[in-house]
């Protein structure tokens, strides 16, 4: 189990520009959400945020805001730790959640309903993520398949959510379903590009959302709770990218990580925890972030996120 966790990241602060009074002592609570109040029992923890504004490019809110990058880094690194410990990703997370019963409950529910541990066809894998953001506990299991030609498709997503007291369950399901579609679109398909100082994408004809024939089967399980209601509009987006990215596509029971590559967008090669290339390369566009995030592990078990220059 990890003995120390150090997370450092740099990025712009929308809050500092739009709501200066909320930017206190150099800390942006929006940008740092999903990195500080983790559900995992980590005995020694340190998180640093450094404000870095990209020159000439004003940034604004994106669906799931700070958790969009923080959850991706935290959950991807949890898979790195599980792989280093030679443990199942769900079992590894469960062992760190004894002090967070609500997070543990959604993880176990999502894993059970997704059939975690059951055999899958060749070229199909599962990945998992768990988070506490917007006062909501949420876990997702994604099934991803890769064709022989290298095309990637998320074919099934199982989500378990504890958002406290629920007034309208259909609204909760609809928000999660749309958030998952939004997140998969950003993770697999689209990106924002600039030319001559202007954004090239102008509408949904050249920023193409996931189509009906590409959409996964999505099943949402809502945990009955009497706790105060949490946020539901964005939580589903930040969980899907790490769940999709950390799938075992080799069928060898090992987790996978990313290694960035191509000049257009962010080219990634799925690799096993042994660092040997898998048989299923794929290209993934970055989530709508100006930062390319990388995590790495040292002996004490901590992650760093640095700005790629």
C-alpha atoms as a PDB file:
ATOM      1  CA  UNK A   1       0.000   0.000   0.000  1.00  0.00           C
ATOM      2  CA  UNK A   2       1.216   3.579  -0.612  1.00  0.00           C
ATOM      3  CA  UNK A   3       3.021   5.275   2.267  1.00  0.00           C
ATOM      4  CA  UNK A   4       3.131   8.762   0.737  1.00  0.00           C
ATOM      5  CA  UNK A   5       1.334  10.662  -1.996  1.00  0.00           C
ATOM      6  CA  UNK A   6       2.651  13.886  -3.540  1.00  0.00           C
ATOM      7  CA  UNK A   7       0.623  15.461  -6.344  1.00  0.00           C
ATOM      8  CA  UNK A   8       1.879  18.612  -8.048  1.00  0.00           C
ATOM      9  CA  UNK A   9       0.152  20.183 -11.010  1.00  0.00           C
ATOM     10  CA  UNK A  10       0.133  23.458 -12.908  1.00  0.00           C
ATOM     11  CA  UNK A  11      -2.625  25.097 -14.883  1.00  0.00           C
ATOM     12  CA  UNK A  12      -4.743  28.159 -15.464  1.00  0.00           C
ATOM     13  CA  UNK A  13      -7.242  29.490 -12.941  1.00  0.00           C
ATOM     14  CA  UNK A  14     -10.662  30.382 -14.294  1.00  0.00           C
ATOM     15  CA  UNK A  15     -11.782  31.358 -10.794  1.00  0.00           C
ATOM     16  CA  UNK A  16      -8.968  33.923 -10.435  1.00  0.00           C
ATOM     17  CA  UNK A  17     -10.268  35.754 -13.504  1.00  0.00           C
ATOM     18  CA  UNK A  18     -14.025  35.286 -13.166  1.00  0.00           C
ATOM     19  CA  UNK A  19     -14.405  35.357  -9.370  1.00  0.00           C
ATOM     20  CA  UNK A  20     -11.231  36.851  -7.827  1.00  0.00           C
ATOM     21  CA  UNK A  21     -12.510  36.819  -4.190  1.00  0.00           C
ATOM     22  CA  UNK A  22     -12.702  33.004  -4.350  1.00  0.00           C
ATOM     23  CA  UNK A  23      -9.038  32.743  -5.339  1.00  0.00           C
ATOM     24  CA  UNK A  24      -7.509  32.763  -1.864  1.00  0.00           C
ATOM     25  CA  UNK A  25      -3.799  32.476  -1.111  1.00  0.00           C
ATOM     26  CA  UNK A  26      -3.018  31.202  -4.587  1.00  0.00           C
ATOM     27  CA  UNK A  27      -5.490  28.332  -4.329  1.00  0.00           C
ATOM     28  CA  UNK A  28      -8.220  27.728  -6.882  1.00  0.00           C
ATOM     29  CA  UNK A  29     -10.792  25.370  -5.292  1.00  0.00           C
ATOM     30  CA  UNK A  30     -12.275  24.625  -8.703  1.00  0.00           C
ATOM     31  CA  UNK A  31      -9.000  23.618 -10.361  1.00  0.00           C
ATOM     32  CA  UNK A  32      -7.892  21.505  -7.394  1.00  0.00           C
ATOM     33  CA  UNK A  33     -11.145  19.573  -6.877  1.00  0.00           C
ATOM     34  CA  UNK A  34     -10.609  15.853  -7.246  1.00  0.00           C
ATOM     35  CA  UNK A  35      -6.975  16.095  -6.158  1.00  0.00           C
ATOM     36  CA  UNK A  36      -7.195  17.052  -2.489  1.00  0.00           C
ATOM     37  CA  UNK A  37     -10.126  15.314  -0.804  1.00  0.00           C
ATOM     38  CA  UNK A  38      -9.486  11.783  -2.017  1.00  0.00           C
ATOM     39  CA  UNK A  39     -11.511   8.820  -0.854  1.00  0.00           C
ATOM     40  CA  UNK A  40      -8.392   6.702  -0.335  1.00  0.00           C
ATOM     41  CA  UNK A  41      -6.724   6.221   3.050  1.00  0.00           C
ATOM     42  CA  UNK A  42      -3.270   7.655   2.352  1.00  0.00           C
ATOM     43  CA  UNK A  43      -1.168   8.128   5.488  1.00  0.00           C
ATOM     44  CA  UNK A  44       0.981  10.960   4.105  1.00  0.00           C
ATOM     45  CA  UNK A  45      -0.391  13.312   1.481  1.00  0.00           C
ATOM     46  CA  UNK A  46       0.784  16.554  -0.115  1.00  0.00           C
ATOM     47  CA  UNK A  47      -0.866  18.406  -3.023  1.00  0.00           C
ATOM     48  CA  UNK A  48       0.569  21.467  -4.776  1.00  0.00           C
ATOM     49  CA  UNK A  49      -1.099  23.722  -7.325  1.00  0.00           C
ATOM     50  CA  UNK A  50       0.848  26.287  -9.371  1.00  0.00           C
ATOM     51  CA  UNK A  51      -1.082  28.814 -11.402  1.00  0.00           C
ATOM     52  CA  UNK A  52       0.234  29.012 -14.959  1.00  0.00           C
ATOM     53  CA  UNK A  53      -1.775  30.939 -17.534  1.00  0.00           C
ATOM     54  CA  UNK A  54      -1.175  29.919 -21.163  1.00  0.00           C
ATOM     55  CA  UNK A  55      -0.098  33.045 -23.072  1.00  0.00           C
ATOM     56  CA  UNK A  56      -2.745  34.409 -25.413  1.00  0.00           C
ATOM     57  CA  UNK A  57      -5.307  31.672 -24.739  1.00  0.00           C
ATOM     58  CA  UNK A  58      -8.065  32.508 -22.244  1.00  0.00           C
ATOM     59  CA  UNK A  59      -9.523  29.420 -20.594  1.00  0.00           C
ATOM     60  CA  UNK A  60     -13.023  28.830 -19.286  1.00  0.00           C
ATOM     61  CA  UNK A  61     -15.096  26.145 -17.630  1.00  0.00           C
ATOM     62  CA  UNK A  62     -15.435  22.719 -19.219  1.00  0.00           C
ATOM     63  CA  UNK A  63     -17.910  20.074 -18.062  1.00  0.00           C
ATOM     64  CA  UNK A  64     -16.398  18.530 -14.902  1.00  0.00           C
ATOM     65  CA  UNK A  65     -13.828  21.377 -14.603  1.00  0.00           C
ATOM     66  CA  UNK A  66     -10.982  20.514 -12.171  1.00  0.00           C
ATOM     67  CA  UNK A  67     -11.898  16.837 -11.747  1.00  0.00           C
ATOM     68  CA  UNK A  68     -11.561  16.380 -15.516  1.00  0.00           C
ATOM     69  CA  UNK A  69      -7.778  16.282 -15.171  1.00  0.00           C
ATOM     70  CA  UNK A  70      -7.348  15.474 -11.482  1.00  0.00           C
ATOM     71  CA  UNK A  71      -9.476  12.325 -11.439  1.00  0.00           C
ATOM     72  CA  UNK A  72      -7.783  11.161 -14.618  1.00  0.00           C
ATOM     73  CA  UNK A  73      -4.338  11.464 -13.024  1.00  0.00           C
ATOM     74  CA  UNK A  74      -5.328  10.041  -9.628  1.00  0.00           C
ATOM     75  CA  UNK A  75      -7.184   7.027 -11.015  1.00  0.00           C
ATOM     76  CA  UNK A  76      -4.608   6.296 -13.721  1.00  0.00           C
ATOM     77  CA  UNK A  77      -1.914   6.333 -11.069  1.00  0.00           C
ATOM     78  CA  UNK A  78      -3.953   4.048  -8.829  1.00  0.00           C
ATOM     79  CA  UNK A  79      -3.851   1.532 -11.654  1.00  0.00           C
ATOM     80  CA  UNK A  80      -0.069   1.989 -11.862  1.00  0.00           C
ATOM     81  CA  UNK A  81       0.192   1.228  -8.161  1.00  0.00           C
ATOM     82  CA  UNK A  82      -2.076  -1.804  -8.434  1.00  0.00           C
ATOM     83  CA  UNK A  83       0.002  -3.115 -11.341  1.00  0.00           C
ATOM     84  CA  UNK A  84       3.242  -2.598  -9.411  1.00  0.00           C
ATOM     85  CA  UNK A  85       1.737  -4.461  -6.455  1.00  0.00           C
ATOM     86  CA  UNK A  86       0.488  -7.204  -8.819  1.00  0.00           C
ATOM     87  CA  UNK A  87      -3.045  -6.743  -7.504  1.00  0.00           C
ATOM     88  CA  UNK A  88      -6.430  -6.516  -9.167  1.00  0.00           C
ATOM     89  CA  UNK A  89      -7.389  -2.826  -9.698  1.00  0.00           C
ATOM     90  CA  UNK A  90     -10.721  -3.195  -7.906  1.00  0.00           C
ATOM     91  CA  UNK A  91      -9.247  -5.163  -4.986  1.00  0.00           C
ATOM     92  CA  UNK A  92      -6.412  -2.640  -4.634  1.00  0.00           C
ATOM     93  CA  UNK A  93      -8.819   0.299  -4.453  1.00  0.00           C
ATOM     94  CA  UNK A  94     -11.164  -1.545  -2.085  1.00  0.00           C
ATOM     95  CA  UNK A  95      -8.320  -2.056   0.388  1.00  0.00           C
ATOM     96  CA  UNK A  96      -7.774   1.722   0.497  1.00  0.00           C
ATOM     97  CA  UNK A  97     -11.445   2.588   1.051  1.00  0.00           C
ATOM     98  CA  UNK A  98     -12.125   1.204   4.520  1.00  0.00           C
ATOM     99  CA  UNK A  99     -12.414   4.756   5.869  1.00  0.00           C
ATOM    100  CA  UNK A 100     -14.837   5.774   3.118  1.00  0.00           C
ATOM    101  CA  UNK A 101     -17.792   3.339   3.194  1.00  0.00           C
ATOM    102  CA  UNK A 102     -19.835   5.282   0.624  1.00  0.00           C
ATOM    103  CA  UNK A 103     -16.997   5.196  -1.900  1.00  0.00           C
ATOM    104  CA  UNK A 104     -16.390   1.526  -1.174  1.00  0.00           C
ATOM    105  CA  UNK A 105     -20.079   0.767  -1.681  1.00  0.00           C
ATOM    106  CA  UNK A 106     -20.286   2.362  -5.137  1.00  0.00           C
ATOM    107  CA  UNK A 107     -17.053   0.651  -6.206  1.00  0.00           C
ATOM    108  CA  UNK A 108     -18.328  -2.760  -5.153  1.00  0.00           C
ATOM    109  CA  UNK A 109     -21.744  -2.180  -6.725  1.00  0.00           C
ATOM    110  CA  UNK A 110     -20.297  -1.085 -10.069  1.00  0.00           C
ATOM    111  CA  UNK A 111     -17.834  -3.997 -10.121  1.00  0.00           C
ATOM    112  CA  UNK A 112     -20.548  -6.510  -9.267  1.00  0.00           C
ATOM    113  CA  UNK A 113     -23.035  -5.246 -11.864  1.00  0.00           C
ATOM    114  CA  UNK A 114     -20.319  -5.082 -14.533  1.00  0.00           C
ATOM    115  CA  UNK A 115     -19.260  -8.672 -13.901  1.00  0.00           C
ATOM    116  CA  UNK A 116     -15.756  -7.681 -12.895  1.00  0.00           C
ATOM    117  CA  UNK A 117     -13.424 -10.668 -13.134  1.00  0.00           C
ATOM    118  CA  UNK A 118     -15.507 -12.559 -15.674  1.00  0.00           C
ATOM    119  CA  UNK A 119     -13.865 -13.568 -18.926  1.00  0.00           C
ATOM    120  CA  UNK A 120     -14.194 -11.271 -21.937  1.00  0.00           C
ATOM    121  CA  UNK A 121     -13.612 -11.880 -25.654  1.00  0.00           C
ATOM    122  CA  UNK A 122     -10.185 -11.249 -27.152  1.00  0.00           C
ATOM    123  CA  UNK A 123      -9.537  -7.573 -27.726  1.00  0.00           C
ATOM    124  CA  UNK A 124     -12.003  -6.493 -25.027  1.00  0.00           C
ATOM    125  CA  UNK A 125     -11.008  -5.206 -21.602  1.00  0.00           C
ATOM    126  CA  UNK A 126     -12.414  -3.552 -18.490  1.00  0.00           C
ATOM    127  CA  UNK A 127     -11.251  -0.522 -16.580  1.00  0.00           C
ATOM    128  CA  UNK A 128     -12.463   1.080 -13.370  1.00  0.00           C
ATOM    129  CA  UNK A 129     -12.489   4.460 -11.664  1.00  0.00           C
ATOM    130  CA  UNK A 130     -13.883   5.773  -8.399  1.00  0.00           C
ATOM    131  CA  UNK A 131     -14.147   9.373  -7.273  1.00  0.00           C
ATOM    132  CA  UNK A 132     -15.626  11.835  -4.793  1.00  0.00           C
ATOM    133  CA  UNK A 133     -16.315  15.153  -6.489  1.00  0.00           C
ATOM    134  CA  UNK A 134     -19.157  17.679  -6.351  1.00  0.00           C
ATOM    135  CA  UNK A 135     -20.210  16.038  -3.042  1.00  0.00           C
ATOM    136  CA  UNK A 136     -21.072  12.839  -4.965  1.00  0.00           C
ATOM    137  CA  UNK A 137     -19.534   9.370  -4.765  1.00  0.00           C
ATOM    138  CA  UNK A 138     -19.347   7.642  -8.124  1.00  0.00           C
ATOM    139  CA  UNK A 139     -17.685   4.577  -9.653  1.00  0.00           C
ATOM    140  CA  UNK A 140     -17.599   3.485 -13.261  1.00  0.00           C
ATOM    141  CA  UNK A 141     -16.542   0.298 -15.016  1.00  0.00           C
ATOM    142  CA  UNK A 142     -15.949   0.611 -18.757  1.00  0.00           C
ATOM    143  CA  UNK A 143     -15.671  -2.182 -21.288  1.00  0.00           C
ATOM    144  CA  UNK A 144     -13.492  -1.219 -24.231  1.00  0.00           C
ATOM    145  CA  UNK A 145     -12.919  -3.157 -27.430  1.00  0.00           C
ATOM    146  CA  UNK A 146     -10.204  -2.674 -30.034  1.00  0.00           C
ATOM    147  CA  UNK A 147     -10.650  -3.941 -33.574  1.00  0.00           C
ATOM    148  CA  UNK A 148      -7.867  -5.650 -35.482  1.00  0.00           C
ATOM    149  CA  UNK A 149      -7.407  -2.390 -37.350  1.00  0.00           C
ATOM    150  CA  UNK A 150      -6.823  -0.507 -34.085  1.00  0.00           C
ATOM    151  CA  UNK A 151     -10.179   1.268 -33.804  1.00  0.00           C
ATOM    152  CA  UNK A 152     -11.244   1.823 -30.203  1.00  0.00           C
ATOM    153  CA  UNK A 153     -14.836   1.701 -28.975  1.00  0.00           C
ATOM    154  CA  UNK A 154     -16.257   1.911 -25.481  1.00  0.00           C
ATOM    155  CA  UNK A 155     -19.010  -0.676 -25.749  1.00  0.00           C
ATOM    156  CA  UNK A 156     -20.449  -0.743 -22.210  1.00  0.00           C
ATOM    157  CA  UNK A 157     -20.348   1.432 -19.097  1.00  0.00           C
ATOM    158  CA  UNK A 158     -21.697   0.503 -15.676  1.00  0.00           C
ATOM    159  CA  UNK A 159     -21.998   3.344 -13.184  1.00  0.00           C
ATOM    160  CA  UNK A 160     -22.891   3.277  -9.487  1.00  0.00           C
ATOM    161  CA  UNK A 161     -23.622   6.605  -7.837  1.00  0.00           C
ATOM    162  CA  UNK A 162     -24.336   7.836  -4.320  1.00  0.00           C
ATOM    163  CA  UNK A 163     -25.348  11.472  -4.692  1.00  0.00           C
ATOM    164  CA  UNK A 164     -27.223  11.647  -1.421  1.00  0.00           C
ATOM    165  CA  UNK A 165     -30.961  12.254  -1.394  1.00  0.00           C
ATOM    166  CA  UNK A 166     -32.408  11.830  -4.890  1.00  0.00           C
ATOM    167  CA  UNK A 167     -35.481  13.819  -5.903  1.00  0.00           C
ATOM    168  CA  UNK A 168     -35.780  12.624  -9.496  1.00  0.00           C
ATOM    169  CA  UNK A 169     -33.943   9.375 -10.388  1.00  0.00           C
ATOM    170  CA  UNK A 170     -34.558   9.862 -14.120  1.00  0.00           C
ATOM    171  CA  UNK A 171     -32.687  13.169 -14.014  1.00  0.00           C
ATOM    172  CA  UNK A 172     -29.743  11.495 -12.269  1.00  0.00           C
ATOM    173  CA  UNK A 173     -29.594   8.776 -14.927  1.00  0.00           C
ATOM    174  CA  UNK A 174     -29.919  11.274 -17.767  1.00  0.00           C
ATOM    175  CA  UNK A 175     -27.117  13.461 -16.389  1.00  0.00           C
ATOM    176  CA  UNK A 176     -24.773  10.502 -16.012  1.00  0.00           C
ATOM    177  CA  UNK A 177     -25.587   9.145 -19.462  1.00  0.00           C
ATOM    178  CA  UNK A 178     -24.969  12.494 -21.130  1.00  0.00           C
ATOM    179  CA  UNK A 179     -21.816  13.084 -19.085  1.00  0.00           C
ATOM    180  CA  UNK A 180     -20.418   9.720 -20.161  1.00  0.00           C
ATOM    181  CA  UNK A 181     -21.113  10.507 -23.830  1.00  0.00           C
ATOM    182  CA  UNK A 182     -19.478  13.906 -23.371  1.00  0.00           C
ATOM    183  CA  UNK A 183     -16.410  12.393 -21.711  1.00  0.00           C
ATOM    184  CA  UNK A 184     -15.958   9.605 -24.272  1.00  0.00           C
ATOM    185  CA  UNK A 185     -16.231  12.152 -27.074  1.00  0.00           C
ATOM    186  CA  UNK A 186     -13.415  14.190 -25.577  1.00  0.00           C
ATOM    187  CA  UNK A 187     -11.262  11.192 -24.697  1.00  0.00           C
ATOM    188  CA  UNK A 188     -11.534   9.304 -27.983  1.00  0.00           C
ATOM    189  CA  UNK A 189     -12.575  11.634 -30.748  1.00  0.00           C
ATOM    190  CA  UNK A 190     -12.358  15.379 -30.563  1.00  0.00           C
ATOM    191  CA  UNK A 191      -9.999  18.168 -29.658  1.00  0.00           C
ATOM    192  CA  UNK A 192      -9.861  21.948 -29.790  1.00  0.00           C
ATOM    193  CA  UNK A 193      -7.228  23.259 -32.210  1.00  0.00           C
ATOM    194  CA  UNK A 194      -6.054  26.789 -32.932  1.00  0.00           C
ATOM    195  CA  UNK A 195      -4.884  28.334 -36.191  1.00  0.00           C
ATOM    196  CA  UNK A 196      -3.739  31.930 -36.670  1.00  0.00           C
ATOM    197  CA  UNK A 197      -4.893  32.727 -33.156  1.00  0.00           C
ATOM    198  CA  UNK A 198      -8.424  31.400 -33.585  1.00  0.00           C
ATOM    199  CA  UNK A 199     -10.197  28.227 -32.552  1.00  0.00           C
ATOM    200  CA  UNK A 200     -10.901  26.153 -35.673  1.00  0.00           C
ATOM    201  CA  UNK A 201     -13.966  24.306 -34.376  1.00  0.00           C
ATOM    202  CA  UNK A 202     -17.121  26.404 -34.716  1.00  0.00           C
ATOM    203  CA  UNK A 203     -19.990  23.996 -34.046  1.00  0.00           C
ATOM    204  CA  UNK A 204     -20.907  20.332 -33.822  1.00  0.00           C
ATOM    205  CA  UNK A 205     -20.178  19.675 -37.495  1.00  0.00           C
ATOM    206  CA  UNK A 206     -16.438  19.898 -36.798  1.00  0.00           C
ATOM    207  CA  UNK A 207     -16.544  19.062 -33.096  1.00  0.00           C
ATOM    208  CA  UNK A 208     -18.423  15.809 -33.518  1.00  0.00           C
ATOM    209  CA  UNK A 209     -20.129  14.286 -30.507  1.00  0.00           C
ATOM    210  CA  UNK A 210     -20.324  10.511 -30.157  1.00  0.00           C
ATOM    211  CA  UNK A 211     -23.002   9.201 -32.523  1.00  0.00           C
ATOM    212  CA  UNK A 212     -25.814   6.805 -31.667  1.00  0.00           C
ATOM    213  CA  UNK A 213     -24.101   3.913 -33.434  1.00  0.00           C
ATOM    214  CA  UNK A 214     -20.910   4.614 -31.467  1.00  0.00           C
ATOM    215  CA  UNK A 215     -22.496   5.046 -28.046  1.00  0.00           C
ATOM    216  CA  UNK A 216     -22.001   2.362 -25.396  1.00  0.00           C
ATOM    217  CA  UNK A 217     -24.726   0.609 -23.482  1.00  0.00           C
ATOM    218  CA  UNK A 218     -24.952   2.553 -20.216  1.00  0.00           C
ATOM    219  CA  UNK A 219     -26.422   1.213 -16.990  1.00  0.00           C
ATOM    220  CA  UNK A 220     -26.754   3.469 -13.952  1.00  0.00           C
ATOM    221  CA  UNK A 221     -27.347   2.169 -10.414  1.00  0.00           C
ATOM    222  CA  UNK A 222     -28.391   4.711  -7.789  1.00  0.00           C
ATOM    223  CA  UNK A 223     -27.598   4.006  -4.127  1.00  0.00           C
ATOM    224  CA  UNK A 224     -30.431   4.843  -1.727  1.00  0.00           C
ATOM    225  CA  UNK A 225     -29.185   7.492   0.657  1.00  0.00           C
ATOM    226  CA  UNK A 226     -30.508   9.997   3.185  1.00  0.00           C
ATOM    227  CA  UNK A 227     -27.382  12.169   2.968  1.00  0.00           C
ATOM    228  CA  UNK A 228     -27.607  15.749   1.642  1.00  0.00           C
ATOM    229  CA  UNK A 229     -27.862  15.892  -2.165  1.00  0.00           C
ATOM    230  CA  UNK A 230     -24.659  16.195  -4.171  1.00  0.00           C
ATOM    231  CA  UNK A 231     -23.929  17.546  -7.628  1.00  0.00           C
ATOM    232  CA  UNK A 232     -24.929  15.475 -10.636  1.00  0.00           C
ATOM    233  CA  UNK A 233     -24.387  17.532 -13.785  1.00  0.00           C
ATOM    234  CA  UNK A 234     -20.661  16.909 -14.224  1.00  0.00           C
ATOM    235  CA  UNK A 235     -19.568  13.955 -12.097  1.00  0.00           C
ATOM    236  CA  UNK A 236     -20.057  11.360 -14.823  1.00  0.00           C
ATOM    237  CA  UNK A 237     -17.667  13.103 -17.224  1.00  0.00           C
ATOM    238  CA  UNK A 238     -14.513  12.988 -15.107  1.00  0.00           C
ATOM    239  CA  UNK A 239     -14.847   9.278 -14.277  1.00  0.00           C
ATOM    240  CA  UNK A 240     -15.128   7.849 -17.784  1.00  0.00           C
ATOM    241  CA  UNK A 241     -11.718   8.762 -19.231  1.00  0.00           C
ATOM    242  CA  UNK A 242      -9.618   6.911 -16.615  1.00  0.00           C
ATOM    243  CA  UNK A 243     -12.041   3.964 -16.595  1.00  0.00           C
ATOM    244  CA  UNK A 244     -11.772   3.680 -20.375  1.00  0.00           C
ATOM    245  CA  UNK A 245      -8.048   4.244 -20.570  1.00  0.00           C
ATOM    246  CA  UNK A 246      -6.966   1.720 -17.952  1.00  0.00           C
ATOM    247  CA  UNK A 247      -8.517  -1.349 -19.539  1.00  0.00           C
ATOM    248  CA  UNK A 248      -6.861  -4.747 -19.782  1.00  0.00           C
ATOM    249  CA  UNK A 249      -6.958  -5.121 -23.563  1.00  0.00           C
ATOM    250  CA  UNK A 250      -4.396  -7.907 -23.711  1.00  0.00           C
ATOM    251  CA  UNK A 251      -6.517 -10.280 -21.663  1.00  0.00           C
ATOM    252  CA  UNK A 252      -3.559 -10.851 -19.374  1.00  0.00           C
ATOM    253  CA  UNK A 253      -5.130  -9.450 -16.223  1.00  0.00           C
ATOM    254  CA  UNK A 254      -2.728  -6.508 -16.126  1.00  0.00           C
ATOM    255  CA  UNK A 255      -3.549  -2.802 -16.153  1.00  0.00           C
ATOM    256  CA  UNK A 256      -2.353  -0.422 -18.820  1.00  0.00           C
ATOM    257  CA  UNK A 257      -1.074   3.128 -19.026  1.00  0.00           C
ATOM    258  CA  UNK A 258      -0.472   5.797 -21.620  1.00  0.00           C
ATOM    259  CA  UNK A 259       2.640   6.979 -23.404  1.00  0.00           C
ATOM    260  CA  UNK A 260       2.048  10.172 -25.373  1.00  0.00           C
ATOM    261  CA  UNK A 261       3.282  10.384 -28.922  1.00  0.00           C
ATOM    262  CA  UNK A 262       1.800  11.950 -32.048  1.00  0.00           C
ATOM    263  CA  UNK A 263       1.952  15.597 -33.054  1.00  0.00           C
ATOM    264  CA  UNK A 264      -1.758  15.795 -33.840  1.00  0.00           C
ATOM    265  CA  UNK A 265      -3.699  15.686 -30.624  1.00  0.00           C
ATOM    266  CA  UNK A 266      -2.190  13.197 -28.233  1.00  0.00           C
ATOM    267  CA  UNK A 267      -1.093   9.870 -29.645  1.00  0.00           C
ATOM    268  CA  UNK A 268      -1.100   7.070 -27.117  1.00  0.00           C
ATOM    269  CA  UNK A 269       0.117   3.521 -27.115  1.00  0.00           C
ATOM    270  CA  UNK A 270      -1.465   1.157 -24.637  1.00  0.00           C
ATOM    271  CA  UNK A 271       1.218  -0.708 -22.740  1.00  0.00           C
ATOM    272  CA  UNK A 272       1.125  -3.479 -20.182  1.00  0.00           C
ATOM    273  CA  UNK A 273       2.477  -2.950 -16.707  1.00  0.00           C
ATOM    274  CA  UNK A 274       5.578  -4.813 -17.891  1.00  0.00           C
ATOM    275  CA  UNK A 275       6.130  -1.868 -20.292  1.00  0.00           C
ATOM    276  CA  UNK A 276       6.043  -4.172 -23.304  1.00  0.00           C
ATOM    277  CA  UNK A 277       3.830  -2.824 -26.113  1.00  0.00           C
ATOM    278  CA  UNK A 278       0.397  -4.371 -26.420  1.00  0.00           C
ATOM    279  CA  UNK A 279      -0.918  -5.657 -29.710  1.00  0.00           C
ATOM    280  CA  UNK A 280      -3.561  -2.935 -29.746  1.00  0.00           C
ATOM    281  CA  UNK A 281      -2.150   0.553 -30.461  1.00  0.00           C
ATOM    282  CA  UNK A 282      -4.644   3.368 -30.578  1.00  0.00           C
ATOM    283  CA  UNK A 283      -4.772   7.106 -31.054  1.00  0.00           C
ATOM    284  CA  UNK A 284      -6.584   9.165 -28.500  1.00  0.00           C
ATOM    285  CA  UNK A 285      -7.312  12.871 -28.611  1.00  0.00           C
ATOM    286  CA  UNK A 286      -6.698  14.748 -25.369  1.00  0.00           C
ATOM    287  CA  UNK A 287      -9.472  15.846 -23.095  1.00  0.00           C
ATOM    288  CA  UNK A 288     -10.157  19.558 -23.568  1.00  0.00           C
ATOM    289  CA  UNK A 289      -7.171  20.654 -21.516  1.00  0.00           C
ATOM    290  CA  UNK A 290      -4.213  22.836 -22.379  1.00  0.00           C
ATOM    291  CA  UNK A 291      -2.015  20.687 -20.211  1.00  0.00           C
ATOM    292  CA  UNK A 292      -0.796  17.226 -21.096  1.00  0.00           C
ATOM    293  CA  UNK A 293      -0.704  15.338 -17.845  1.00  0.00           C
ATOM    294  CA  UNK A 294       1.695  12.588 -16.984  1.00  0.00           C
ATOM    295  CA  UNK A 295       2.032  10.567 -13.813  1.00  0.00           C
ATOM    296  CA  UNK A 296       4.987   8.579 -12.657  1.00  0.00           C
ATOM    297  CA  UNK A 297       5.665   6.390  -9.681  1.00  0.00           C
ATOM    298  CA  UNK A 298       8.610   6.179  -7.345  1.00  0.00           C
ATOM    299  CA  UNK A 299       9.420   3.691  -4.619  1.00  0.00           C
ATOM    300  CA  UNK A 300       7.355   5.459  -1.964  1.00  0.00           C
ATOM    301  CA  UNK A 301       4.361   5.458  -4.280  1.00  0.00           C
ATOM    302  CA  UNK A 302       3.517   9.024  -5.227  1.00  0.00           C
ATOM    303  CA  UNK A 303       2.531  10.852  -8.408  1.00  0.00           C
ATOM    304  CA  UNK A 304       3.685  14.051 -10.017  1.00  0.00           C
ATOM    305  CA  UNK A 305       1.863  15.997 -12.664  1.00  0.00           C
ATOM    306  CA  UNK A 306       3.973  18.475 -14.566  1.00  0.00           C
ATOM    307  CA  UNK A 307       3.305  20.809 -17.385  1.00  0.00           C
ATOM    308  CA  UNK A 308       4.662  19.517 -20.678  1.00  0.00           C
ATOM    309  CA  UNK A 309       6.509  22.328 -22.428  1.00  0.00           C
END
